[in-house]
């Protein structure tokens, strides 16, 4: 997970399947205190989503390729 995670708020990420999202902020799960990422789809109805931070920033393997689940695009919204 990035060291200065709060600098990522408002930044655009692309999911490995192609969807674009804006990182809205960070939250904690009320039961486990696990850090979560709150992010919004930049397509369709603009749904708001939450996912464990360790999963959001994870590297995954698909079809023999290693990639980030969400890649920072460099865009700031």
Protein backbone atom coordinates (compact mmCIF):
# COMPACT_ATOMS: atom_id res chain seq x y z
CA UNK A 1 0.00 0.00 0.00
CA UNK A 2 1.35 3.47 -0.81
CA UNK A 3 3.08 5.28 2.05
CA UNK A 4 1.32 8.63 1.50
CA UNK A 5 -2.13 7.22 0.80
CA UNK A 6 -3.99 10.49 1.47
CA UNK A 7 -2.28 12.03 -1.57
CA UNK A 8 -4.29 9.51 -3.62
CA UNK A 9 -7.68 10.95 -2.64
CA UNK A 10 -9.36 12.40 -5.73
CA UNK A 11 -7.06 10.52 -8.09
CA UNK A 12 -8.25 8.30 -10.92
CA UNK A 13 -7.51 4.58 -11.10
CA UNK A 14 -8.25 2.05 -13.80
CA UNK A 15 -9.29 -1.48 -12.83
CA UNK A 16 -7.50 -4.32 -14.59
CA UNK A 17 -10.80 -5.10 -16.37
CA UNK A 18 -10.95 -1.54 -17.73
CA UNK A 19 -13.35 0.47 -15.56
CA UNK A 20 -12.25 3.89 -14.31
CA UNK A 21 -12.71 4.94 -10.68
CA UNK A 22 -11.95 7.90 -8.42
CA UNK A 23 -10.56 7.18 -4.97
CA UNK A 24 -12.87 9.09 -2.62
CA UNK A 25 -11.23 8.32 0.71
CA UNK A 26 -10.38 5.78 3.36
CA UNK A 27 -12.54 4.28 6.11
CA UNK A 28 -12.33 1.56 8.74
CA UNK A 29 -14.57 -1.46 9.00
CA UNK A 30 -16.57 -1.01 12.21
CA UNK A 31 -16.18 -4.66 13.24
CA UNK A 32 -12.59 -5.48 12.29
CA UNK A 33 -11.03 -1.99 12.04
CA UNK A 34 -9.57 -3.10 8.70
CA UNK A 35 -8.68 -0.14 6.47
CA UNK A 36 -11.01 0.20 3.51
CA UNK A 37 -10.83 2.22 0.29
CA UNK A 38 -13.94 4.13 -0.76
CA UNK A 39 -14.09 4.67 -4.52
CA UNK A 40 -16.59 5.83 -7.14
CA UNK A 41 -17.20 4.50 -10.63
CA UNK A 42 -16.59 7.11 -13.33
CA UNK A 43 -19.11 5.47 -15.65
CA UNK A 44 -22.77 4.47 -15.56
CA UNK A 45 -24.57 5.63 -12.43
CA UNK A 46 -21.32 6.50 -10.66
CA UNK A 47 -21.81 3.92 -7.92
CA UNK A 48 -19.90 4.21 -4.66
CA UNK A 49 -17.89 1.14 -3.66
CA UNK A 50 -15.74 -0.03 -0.76
CA UNK A 51 -12.99 -2.64 -0.73
CA UNK A 52 -10.25 -3.61 1.73
CA UNK A 53 -7.18 -1.40 1.08
CA UNK A 54 -4.88 -4.41 0.92
CA UNK A 55 -7.06 -5.81 -1.86
CA UNK A 56 -7.44 -2.47 -3.71
CA UNK A 57 -3.65 -1.98 -3.86
CA UNK A 58 -2.86 -5.67 -4.46
CA UNK A 59 -0.96 -7.16 -7.35
CA UNK A 60 -2.86 -9.97 -9.02
CA UNK A 61 -2.17 -12.62 -11.64
CA UNK A 62 -4.57 -13.20 -14.54
CA UNK A 63 -3.93 -15.26 -17.66
CA UNK A 64 -0.26 -15.63 -16.74
CA UNK A 65 0.24 -11.86 -16.36
CA UNK A 66 1.02 -10.02 -13.14
CA UNK A 67 -0.64 -6.62 -12.76
CA UNK A 68 -2.05 -4.21 -10.22
CA UNK A 69 -5.76 -4.65 -9.48
CA UNK A 70 -6.15 -0.84 -9.71
CA UNK A 71 -3.53 1.21 -11.56
CA UNK A 72 -3.13 4.93 -10.88
CA UNK A 73 -3.74 6.79 -14.16
CA UNK A 74 -1.99 10.02 -13.27
CA UNK A 75 -5.26 11.91 -13.68
CA UNK A 76 -6.56 14.04 -10.84
CA UNK A 77 -10.26 14.81 -10.75
